[in-house]
């Protein structure tokens, strides 16, 4: 049987990670969230995020990167950052 890769998702939206960046949402939608882990600390053998920048961005490729940012904030944990990210993304995708 072929091994199926199931993409990681959170609250129904895909998650993609590249180094210290996490993209939350689909590029096919109008908005996406970019989370950037700014600082970490060691807890046992794990790196735990202690400062995470959250940006709600438009996915329009014609805009300059700084013009894509709609909202931004910083949180002191990945959990808090994902909490804000999921609320922002849901609200923006559901507002027409």
PDB file of N, CA and C in Angstrom:
ATOM      1  N   UNK A   1       0.842  -1.181   0.000  1.00  0.00           N
ATOM      2  CA  UNK A   1       0.000   0.000   0.000  1.00  0.00           C
ATOM      3  C   UNK A   1       0.895   1.255   0.000  1.00  0.00           C
ATOM      4  N   UNK A   2       0.602   2.194  -0.867  1.00  0.00           N
ATOM      5  CA  UNK A   2       1.390   3.430  -0.968  1.00  0.00           C
ATOM      6  C   UNK A   2       1.150   4.308   0.249  1.00  0.00           C
ATOM      7  N   UNK A   3       2.233   4.906   0.731  1.00  0.00           N
ATOM      8  CA  UNK A   3       2.118   5.784   1.894  1.00  0.00           C
ATOM      9  C   UNK A   3       1.527   7.115   1.461  1.00  0.00           C
ATOM     10  N   UNK A   4       0.413   7.490   2.090  1.00  0.00           N
ATOM     11  CA  UNK A   4      -0.265   8.735   1.749  1.00  0.00           C
ATOM     12  C   UNK A   4       0.217   9.844   2.661  1.00  0.00           C
ATOM     13  N   UNK A   5       0.594  10.983   2.088  1.00  0.00           N
ATOM     14  CA  UNK A   5       1.011  12.131   2.901  1.00  0.00           C
ATOM     15  C   UNK A   5      -0.202  12.993   3.177  1.00  0.00           C
ATOM     16  N   UNK A   6      -0.576  13.077   4.429  1.00  0.00           N
ATOM     17  CA  UNK A   6      -1.696  13.923   4.822  1.00  0.00           C
ATOM     18  C   UNK A   6      -1.114  15.259   5.277  1.00  0.00           C
ATOM     19  N   UNK A   7      -1.490  16.360   4.612  1.00  0.00           N
ATOM     20  CA  UNK A   7      -0.923  17.658   5.000  1.00  0.00           C
ATOM     21  C   UNK A   7      -1.386  18.074   6.399  1.00  0.00           C
ATOM     22  N   UNK A   8      -0.501  18.746   7.106  1.00  0.00           N
ATOM     23  CA  UNK A   8      -0.813  19.238   8.431  1.00  0.00           C
ATOM     24  C   UNK A   8      -1.808  20.383   8.314  1.00  0.00           C
ATOM     25  N   UNK A   9      -2.835  20.372   9.182  1.00  0.00           N
ATOM     26  CA  UNK A   9      -3.801  21.463   9.151  1.00  0.00           C
ATOM     27  C   UNK A   9      -4.227  21.809  10.574  1.00  0.00           C
ATOM     28  N   UNK A  10      -4.799  22.994  10.727  1.00  0.00           N
ATOM     29  CA  UNK A  10      -5.285  23.469  12.017  1.00  0.00           C
ATOM     30  C   UNK A  10      -6.608  24.173  11.771  1.00  0.00           C
ATOM     31  N   UNK A  11      -7.651  23.683  12.424  1.00  0.00           N
ATOM     32  CA  UNK A  11      -9.002  24.245  12.282  1.00  0.00           C
ATOM     33  C   UNK A  11      -9.420  24.355  10.820  1.00  0.00           C
ATOM     34  N   UNK A  12      -9.094  23.329  10.046  1.00  0.00           N
ATOM     35  CA  UNK A  12      -9.553  23.259   8.660  1.00  0.00           C
ATOM     36  C   UNK A  12      -8.717  24.003   7.632  1.00  0.00           C
ATOM     37  N   UNK A  13      -7.609  24.603   8.048  1.00  0.00           N
ATOM     38  CA  UNK A  13      -6.740  25.327   7.104  1.00  0.00           C
ATOM     39  C   UNK A  13      -5.349  24.701   7.128  1.00  0.00           C
ATOM     40  N   UNK A  14      -4.699  24.624   5.953  1.00  0.00           N
ATOM     41  CA  UNK A  14      -3.380  23.977   5.885  1.00  0.00           C
ATOM     42  C   UNK A  14      -2.271  24.791   6.568  1.00  0.00           C
ATOM     43  N   UNK A  15      -1.276  24.068   7.064  1.00  0.00           N
ATOM     44  CA  UNK A  15      -0.085  24.662   7.676  1.00  0.00           C
ATOM     45  C   UNK A  15       1.132  24.220   6.877  1.00  0.00           C
ATOM     46  N   UNK A  16       2.006  25.158   6.556  1.00  0.00           N
ATOM     47  CA  UNK A  16       3.260  24.844   5.860  1.00  0.00           C
ATOM     48  C   UNK A  16       4.388  25.529   6.615  1.00  0.00           C
ATOM     49  N   UNK A  17       5.496  24.812   6.799  1.00  0.00           N
ATOM     50  CA  UNK A  17       6.622  25.378   7.538  1.00  0.00           C
ATOM     51  C   UNK A  17       7.867  25.391   6.672  1.00  0.00           C
ATOM     52  N   UNK A  18       8.594  26.496   6.734  1.00  0.00           N
ATOM     53  CA  UNK A  18       9.903  26.621   6.077  1.00  0.00           C
ATOM     54  C   UNK A  18      10.799  27.344   7.065  1.00  0.00           C
ATOM     55  N   UNK A  19      11.747  26.609   7.653  1.00  0.00           N
ATOM     56  CA  UNK A  19      12.650  27.146   8.672  1.00  0.00           C
ATOM     57  C   UNK A  19      11.850  27.750   9.829  1.00  0.00           C
ATOM     58  N   UNK A  20      11.994  29.063  10.069  1.00  0.00           N
ATOM     59  CA  UNK A  20      11.283  29.673  11.187  1.00  0.00           C
ATOM     60  C   UNK A  20       9.977  30.353  10.761  1.00  0.00           C
ATOM     61  N   UNK A  21       9.531  30.102   9.527  1.00  0.00           N
ATOM     62  CA  UNK A  21       8.267  30.659   9.033  1.00  0.00           C
ATOM     63  C   UNK A  21       7.203  29.568   8.952  1.00  0.00           C
ATOM     64  N   UNK A  22       6.004  29.915   9.384  1.00  0.00           N
ATOM     65  CA  UNK A  22       4.863  29.009   9.269  1.00  0.00           C
ATOM     66  C   UNK A  22       3.773  29.755   8.518  1.00  0.00           C
ATOM     67  N   UNK A  23       3.296  29.166   7.437  1.00  0.00           N
ATOM     68  CA  UNK A  23       2.198  29.752   6.672  1.00  0.00           C
ATOM     69  C   UNK A  23       0.925  28.997   7.015  1.00  0.00           C
ATOM     70  N   UNK A  24      -0.117  29.752   7.351  1.00  0.00           N
ATOM     71  CA  UNK A  24      -1.392  29.181   7.777  1.00  0.00           C
ATOM     72  C   UNK A  24      -2.471  29.672   6.824  1.00  0.00           C
ATOM     73  N   UNK A  25      -3.100  28.746   6.121  1.00  0.00           N
ATOM     74  CA  UNK A  25      -4.122  29.092   5.149  1.00  0.00           C
ATOM     75  C   UNK A  25      -3.714  28.640   3.768  1.00  0.00           C
ATOM     76  N   UNK A  26      -4.572  28.911   2.814  1.00  0.00           N
ATOM     77  CA  UNK A  26      -4.352  28.484   1.436  1.00  0.00           C
ATOM     78  C   UNK A  26      -4.080  29.684   0.541  1.00  0.00           C
ATOM     79  N   UNK A  27      -3.099  29.566  -0.343  1.00  0.00           N
ATOM     80  CA  UNK A  27      -2.796  30.643  -1.290  1.00  0.00           C
ATOM     81  C   UNK A  27      -3.944  30.850  -2.278  1.00  0.00           C
ATOM     82  N   UNK A  28      -4.864  29.894  -2.357  1.00  0.00           N
ATOM     83  CA  UNK A  28      -6.027  30.043  -3.231  1.00  0.00           C
ATOM     84  C   UNK A  28      -7.054  31.001  -2.631  1.00  0.00           C
ATOM     85  N   UNK A  29      -6.974  31.247  -1.322  1.00  0.00           N
ATOM     86  CA  UNK A  29      -7.887  32.183  -0.659  1.00  0.00           C
ATOM     87  C   UNK A  29      -7.353  33.607  -0.786  1.00  0.00           C
ATOM     88  N   UNK A  30      -8.172  34.574  -0.366  1.00  0.00           N
ATOM     89  CA  UNK A  30      -7.776  35.987  -0.465  1.00  0.00           C
ATOM     90  C   UNK A  30      -6.742  36.364   0.596  1.00  0.00           C
ATOM     91  N   UNK A  31      -6.786  35.672   1.750  1.00  0.00           N
ATOM     92  CA  UNK A  31      -5.897  35.990   2.872  1.00  0.00           C
ATOM     93  C   UNK A  31      -5.139  34.758   3.343  1.00  0.00           C
ATOM     94  N   UNK A  32      -3.973  34.987   3.941  1.00  0.00           N
ATOM     95  CA  UNK A  32      -3.162  33.933   4.533  1.00  0.00           C
ATOM     96  C   UNK A  32      -2.466  34.535   5.758  1.00  0.00           C
ATOM     97  N   UNK A  33      -2.076  33.684   6.691  1.00  0.00           N
ATOM     98  CA  UNK A  33      -1.347  34.144   7.873  1.00  0.00           C
ATOM     99  C   UNK A  33       0.107  33.683   7.763  1.00  0.00           C
ATOM    100  N   UNK A  34       1.022  34.593   8.078  1.00  0.00           N
ATOM    101  CA  UNK A  34       2.435  34.222   8.159  1.00  0.00           C
ATOM    102  C   UNK A  34       2.875  34.384   9.613  1.00  0.00           C
ATOM    103  N   UNK A  35       3.377  33.307  10.199  1.00  0.00           N
ATOM    104  CA  UNK A  35       3.909  33.348  11.561  1.00  0.00           C
ATOM    105  C   UNK A  35       5.418  33.205  11.469  1.00  0.00           C
ATOM    106  N   UNK A  36       6.136  34.079  12.147  1.00  0.00           N
ATOM    107  CA  UNK A  36       7.594  34.017  12.142  1.00  0.00           C
ATOM    108  C   UNK A  36       8.076  33.860  13.578  1.00  0.00           C
ATOM    109  N   UNK A  37       8.771  32.757  13.840  1.00  0.00           N
ATOM    110  CA  UNK A  37       9.336  32.528  15.171  1.00  0.00           C
ATOM    111  C   UNK A  37      10.576  33.395  15.293  1.00  0.00           C
ATOM    112  N   UNK A  38      10.513  34.377  16.211  1.00  0.00           N
ATOM    113  CA  UNK A  38      11.594  35.349  16.368  1.00  0.00           C
ATOM    114  C   UNK A  38      12.612  34.909  17.423  1.00  0.00           C
ATOM    115  N   UNK A  39      12.129  34.297  18.515  1.00  0.00           N
ATOM    116  CA  UNK A  39      13.005  33.845  19.598  1.00  0.00           C
ATOM    117  C   UNK A  39      12.528  32.495  20.104  1.00  0.00           C
ATOM    118  N   UNK A  40      13.493  31.680  20.551  1.00  0.00           N
ATOM    119  CA  UNK A  40      13.159  30.386  21.150  1.00  0.00           C
ATOM    120  C   UNK A  40      13.994  30.196  22.405  1.00  0.00           C
ATOM    121  N   UNK A  41      13.565  29.252  23.236  1.00  0.00           N
ATOM    122  CA  UNK A  41      14.380  28.843  24.387  1.00  0.00           C
ATOM    123  C   UNK A  41      14.355  27.324  24.441  1.00  0.00           C
ATOM    124  N   UNK A  42      15.400  26.752  25.024  1.00  0.00           N
ATOM    125  CA  UNK A  42      15.492  25.299  25.154  1.00  0.00           C
ATOM    126  C   UNK A  42      14.692  24.842  26.365  1.00  0.00           C
ATOM    127  N   UNK A  43      13.818  23.875  26.150  1.00  0.00           N
ATOM    128  CA  UNK A  43      13.124  23.194  27.240  1.00  0.00           C
ATOM    129  C   UNK A  43      13.420  21.718  27.022  1.00  0.00           C
ATOM    130  N   UNK A  44      14.238  21.148  27.903  1.00  0.00           N
ATOM    131  CA  UNK A  44      14.797  19.811  27.706  1.00  0.00           C
ATOM    132  C   UNK A  44      15.530  19.800  26.368  1.00  0.00           C
ATOM    133  N   UNK A  45      15.086  18.999  25.401  1.00  0.00           N
ATOM    134  CA  UNK A  45      15.753  18.944  24.094  1.00  0.00           C
ATOM    135  C   UNK A  45      15.016  19.739  23.016  1.00  0.00           C
ATOM    136  N   UNK A  46      13.912  20.385  23.385  1.00  0.00           N
ATOM    137  CA  UNK A  46      13.083  21.070  22.391  1.00  0.00           C
ATOM    138  C   UNK A  46      13.308  22.577  22.394  1.00  0.00           C
ATOM    139  N   UNK A  47      13.235  23.178  21.197  1.00  0.00           N
ATOM    140  CA  UNK A  47      13.215  24.633  21.086  1.00  0.00           C
ATOM    141  C   UNK A  47      11.753  25.067  21.176  1.00  0.00           C
ATOM    142  N   UNK A  48      11.450  25.919  22.141  1.00  0.00           N
ATOM    143  CA  UNK A  48      10.085  26.398  22.349  1.00  0.00           C
ATOM    144  C   UNK A  48      10.037  27.885  22.007  1.00  0.00           C
ATOM    145  N   UNK A  49       9.073  28.276  21.185  1.00  0.00           N
ATOM    146  CA  UNK A  49       8.948  29.667  20.755  1.00  0.00           C
ATOM    147  C   UNK A  49       8.587  30.567  21.931  1.00  0.00           C
ATOM    148  N   UNK A  50       9.325  31.670  22.073  1.00  0.00           N
ATOM    149  CA  UNK A  50       9.026  32.643  23.128  1.00  0.00           C
ATOM    150  C   UNK A  50       8.640  33.999  22.545  1.00  0.00           C
ATOM    151  N   UNK A  51       8.793  34.162  21.231  1.00  0.00           N
ATOM    152  CA  UNK A  51       8.374  35.398  20.566  1.00  0.00           C
ATOM    153  C   UNK A  51       8.006  35.048  19.128  1.00  0.00           C
ATOM    154  N   UNK A  52       6.737  35.288  18.776  1.00  0.00           N
ATOM    155  CA  UNK A  52       6.236  34.927  17.448  1.00  0.00           C
ATOM    156  C   UNK A  52       5.539  36.140  16.832  1.00  0.00           C
ATOM    157  N   UNK A  53       5.957  36.533  15.631  1.00  0.00           N
ATOM    158  CA  UNK A  53       5.311  37.619  14.897  1.00  0.00           C
ATOM    159  C   UNK A  53       4.202  37.010  14.033  1.00  0.00           C
ATOM    160  N   UNK A  54       3.025  37.634  14.067  1.00  0.00           N
ATOM    161  CA  UNK A  54       1.866  37.163  13.304  1.00  0.00           C
ATOM    162  C   UNK A  54       1.472  38.249  12.318  1.00  0.00           C
ATOM    163  N   UNK A  55       1.300  37.868  11.047  1.00  0.00           N
ATOM    164  CA  UNK A  55       0.860  38.830  10.029  1.00  0.00           C
ATOM    165  C   UNK A  55      -0.288  38.241   9.218  1.00  0.00           C
ATOM    166  N   UNK A  56      -1.370  39.003   9.115  1.00  0.00           N
ATOM    167  CA  UNK A  56      -2.457  38.665   8.197  1.00  0.00           C
ATOM    168  C   UNK A  56      -2.105  39.345   6.884  1.00  0.00           C
ATOM    169  N   UNK A  57      -2.015  38.556   5.803  1.00  0.00           N
ATOM    170  CA  UNK A  57      -1.577  39.093   4.517  1.00  0.00           C
ATOM    171  C   UNK A  57      -2.567  38.776   3.408  1.00  0.00           C
ATOM    172  N   UNK A  58      -2.616  39.671   2.437  1.00  0.00           N
ATOM    173  CA  UNK A  58      -3.344  39.401   1.205  1.00  0.00           C
ATOM    174  C   UNK A  58      -2.483  38.474   0.352  1.00  0.00           C
ATOM    175  N   UNK A  59      -3.103  37.603  -0.419  1.00  0.00           N
ATOM    176  CA  UNK A  59      -2.341  36.678  -1.264  1.00  0.00           C
ATOM    177  C   UNK A  59      -2.134  37.207  -2.679  1.00  0.00           C
ATOM    178  N   UNK A  60      -2.551  38.427  -2.951  1.00  0.00           N
ATOM    179  CA  UNK A  60      -2.430  39.030  -4.277  1.00  0.00           C
ATOM    180  C   UNK A  60      -0.952  39.147  -4.684  1.00  0.00           C
ATOM    181  N   UNK A  61      -0.520  38.409  -5.719  1.00  0.00           N
ATOM    182  CA  UNK A  61       0.898  38.429  -6.113  1.00  0.00           C
ATOM    183  C   UNK A  61       1.328  39.751  -6.761  1.00  0.00           C
ATOM    184  N   UNK A  62       0.374  40.596  -7.164  1.00  0.00           N
ATOM    185  CA  UNK A  62       0.707  41.863  -7.808  1.00  0.00           C
ATOM    186  C   UNK A  62       1.108  42.952  -6.814  1.00  0.00           C
ATOM    187  N   UNK A  63       0.819  42.726  -5.515  1.00  0.00           N
ATOM    188  CA  UNK A  63       1.159  43.707  -4.489  1.00  0.00           C
ATOM    189  C   UNK A  63       2.589  43.505  -4.004  1.00  0.00           C
ATOM    190  N   UNK A  64       3.243  44.596  -3.580  1.00  0.00           N
ATOM    191  CA  UNK A  64       4.558  44.487  -2.949  1.00  0.00           C
ATOM    192  C   UNK A  64       4.370  43.811  -1.599  1.00  0.00           C
ATOM    193  N   UNK A  65       5.400  43.144  -1.106  1.00  0.00           N
ATOM    194  CA  UNK A  65       5.264  42.380   0.134  1.00  0.00           C
ATOM    195  C   UNK A  65       4.822  43.241   1.314  1.00  0.00           C
ATOM    196  N   UNK A  66       5.311  44.480   1.407  1.00  0.00           N
ATOM    197  CA  UNK A  66       4.906  45.320   2.549  1.00  0.00           C
ATOM    198  C   UNK A  66       3.459  45.796   2.406  1.00  0.00           C
ATOM    199  N   UNK A  67       2.934  45.863   1.181  1.00  0.00           N
ATOM    200  CA  UNK A  67       1.552  46.292   0.960  1.00  0.00           C
ATOM    201  C   UNK A  67       0.551  45.166   1.192  1.00  0.00           C
ATOM    202  N   UNK A  68       1.039  43.935   1.267  1.00  0.00           N
ATOM    203  CA  UNK A  68       0.156  42.789   1.497  1.00  0.00           C
ATOM    204  C   UNK A  68      -0.308  42.687   2.947  1.00  0.00           C
ATOM    205  N   UNK A  69       0.478  43.234   3.877  1.00  0.00           N
ATOM    206  CA  UNK A  69       0.187  43.088   5.305  1.00  0.00           C
ATOM    207  C   UNK A  69      -1.054  43.894   5.677  1.00  0.00           C
ATOM    208  N   UNK A  70      -2.051  43.204   6.240  1.00  0.00           N
ATOM    209  CA  UNK A  70      -3.301  43.829   6.655  1.00  0.00           C
ATOM    210  C   UNK A  70      -3.265  44.117   8.155  1.00  0.00           C
ATOM    211  N   UNK A  71      -2.807  43.138   8.938  1.00  0.00           N
ATOM    212  CA  UNK A  71      -2.707  43.264  10.397  1.00  0.00           C
ATOM    213  C   UNK A  71      -1.454  42.557  10.855  1.00  0.00           C
ATOM    214  N   UNK A  72      -0.894  43.018  11.982  1.00  0.00           N
ATOM    215  CA  UNK A  72       0.239  42.296  12.547  1.00  0.00           C
ATOM    216  C   UNK A  72       0.280  42.484  14.053  1.00  0.00           C
ATOM    217  N   UNK A  73       0.871  41.499  14.734  1.00  0.00           N
ATOM    218  CA  UNK A  73       1.038  41.533  16.176  1.00  0.00           C
ATOM    219  C   UNK A  73       2.185  40.615  16.549  1.00  0.00           C
ATOM    220  N   UNK A  74       2.583  40.646  17.820  1.00  0.00           N
ATOM    221  CA  UNK A  74       3.580  39.711  18.343  1.00  0.00           C
ATOM    222  C   UNK A  74       3.008  39.027  19.569  1.00  0.00           C
ATOM    223  N   UNK A  75       3.281  37.734  19.696  1.00  0.00           N
ATOM    224  CA  UNK A  75       2.807  36.951  20.838  1.00  0.00           C
ATOM    225  C   UNK A  75       3.986  36.238  21.482  1.00  0.00           C
ATOM    226  N   UNK A  76       3.799  35.822  22.742  1.00  0.00           N
ATOM    227  CA  UNK A  76       4.900  35.208  23.485  1.00  0.00           C
ATOM    228  C   UNK A  76       4.892  33.681  23.464  1.00  0.00           C
ATOM    229  N   UNK A  77       4.035  33.092  22.642  1.00  0.00           N
ATOM    230  CA  UNK A  77       4.061  31.634  22.468  1.00  0.00           C
ATOM    231  C   UNK A  77       3.428  31.283  21.126  1.00  0.00           C
ATOM    232  N   UNK A  78       3.765  30.121  20.619  1.00  0.00           N
ATOM    233  CA  UNK A  78       3.176  29.669  19.363  1.00  0.00           C
ATOM    234  C   UNK A  78       1.682  29.424  19.534  1.00  0.00           C
ATOM    235  N   UNK A  79       1.282  28.927  20.702  1.00  0.00           N
ATOM    236  CA  UNK A  79      -0.141  28.689  20.972  1.00  0.00           C
ATOM    237  C   UNK A  79      -0.936  29.991  20.884  1.00  0.00           C
ATOM    238  N   UNK A  80      -0.461  31.044  21.541  1.00  0.00           N
ATOM    239  CA  UNK A  80      -1.154  32.335  21.507  1.00  0.00           C
ATOM    240  C   UNK A  80      -1.186  32.894  20.088  1.00  0.00           C
ATOM    241  N   UNK A  81      -0.090  32.724  19.361  1.00  0.00           N
ATOM    242  CA  UNK A  81      -0.014  33.206  17.980  1.00  0.00           C
ATOM    243  C   UNK A  81      -1.012  32.472  17.082  1.00  0.00           C
ATOM    244  N   UNK A  82      -1.103  31.155  17.214  1.00  0.00           N
ATOM    245  CA  UNK A  82      -2.045  30.370  16.413  1.00  0.00           C
ATOM    246  C   UNK A  82      -3.490  30.713  16.769  1.00  0.00           C
ATOM    247  N   UNK A  83      -3.737  31.015  18.045  1.00  0.00           N
ATOM    248  CA  UNK A  83      -5.068  31.394  18.494  1.00  0.00           C
ATOM    249  C   UNK A  83      -5.519  32.671  17.783  1.00  0.00           C
ATOM    250  N   UNK A  84      -4.669  33.690  17.782  1.00  0.00           N
ATOM    251  CA  UNK A  84      -4.970  34.957  17.105  1.00  0.00           C
ATOM    252  C   UNK A  84      -5.084  34.723  15.600  1.00  0.00           C
ATOM    253  N   UNK A  85      -4.163  33.951  15.040  1.00  0.00           N
ATOM    254  CA  UNK A  85      -4.138  33.695  13.600  1.00  0.00           C
ATOM    255  C   UNK A  85      -5.430  33.047  13.122  1.00  0.00           C
ATOM    256  N   UNK A  86      -5.918  32.061  13.864  1.00  0.00           N
ATOM    257  CA  UNK A  86      -7.130  31.358  13.431  1.00  0.00           C
ATOM    258  C   UNK A  86      -8.342  32.285  13.472  1.00  0.00           C
ATOM    259  N   UNK A  87      -8.426  33.158  14.474  1.00  0.00           N
ATOM    260  CA  UNK A  87      -9.543  34.110  14.569  1.00  0.00           C
ATOM    261  C   UNK A  87      -9.479  35.120  13.415  1.00  0.00           C
ATOM    262  N   UNK A  88      -8.288  35.710  13.197  1.00  0.00           N
ATOM    263  CA  UNK A  88      -8.137  36.684  12.114  1.00  0.00           C
ATOM    264  C   UNK A  88      -8.484  36.079  10.761  1.00  0.00           C
ATOM    265  N   UNK A  89      -7.960  34.874  10.492  1.00  0.00           N
ATOM    266  CA  UNK A  89      -8.178  34.251   9.183  1.00  0.00           C
ATOM    267  C   UNK A  89      -9.655  33.935   8.976  1.00  0.00           C
ATOM    268  N   UNK A  90     -10.291  33.355   9.970  1.00  0.00           N
ATOM    269  CA  UNK A  90     -11.721  33.035   9.856  1.00  0.00           C
ATOM    270  C   UNK A  90     -12.558  34.290   9.602  1.00  0.00           C
ATOM    271  N   UNK A  91     -12.300  35.327  10.370  1.00  0.00           N
ATOM    272  CA  UNK A  91     -13.066  36.574  10.215  1.00  0.00           C
ATOM    273  C   UNK A  91     -12.903  37.163   8.825  1.00  0.00           C
ATOM    274  N   UNK A  92     -11.676  37.198   8.328  1.00  0.00           N
ATOM    275  CA  UNK A  92     -11.429  37.812   7.008  1.00  0.00           C
ATOM    276  C   UNK A  92     -11.990  36.960   5.867  1.00  0.00           C
ATOM    277  N   UNK A  93     -11.871  35.643   5.990  1.00  0.00           N
ATOM    278  CA  UNK A  93     -12.380  34.776   4.925  1.00  0.00           C
ATOM    279  C   UNK A  93     -13.901  34.740   4.905  1.00  0.00           C
ATOM    280  N   UNK A  94     -14.538  34.969   6.054  1.00  0.00           N
ATOM    281  CA  UNK A  94     -16.000  34.936   6.133  1.00  0.00           C
ATOM    282  C   UNK A  94     -16.643  36.278   5.875  1.00  0.00           C
ATOM    283  N   UNK A  95     -15.859  37.366   5.842  1.00  0.00           N
ATOM    284  CA  UNK A  95     -16.432  38.679   5.538  1.00  0.00           C
ATOM    285  C   UNK A  95     -16.350  38.892   4.033  1.00  0.00           C
ATOM    286  N   UNK A  96     -17.430  39.240   3.465  1.00  0.00           N
ATOM    287  CA  UNK A  96     -17.476  39.427   2.002  1.00  0.00           C
ATOM    288  C   UNK A  96     -17.686  40.884   1.664  1.00  0.00           C
TER     289      UNK A  96
END
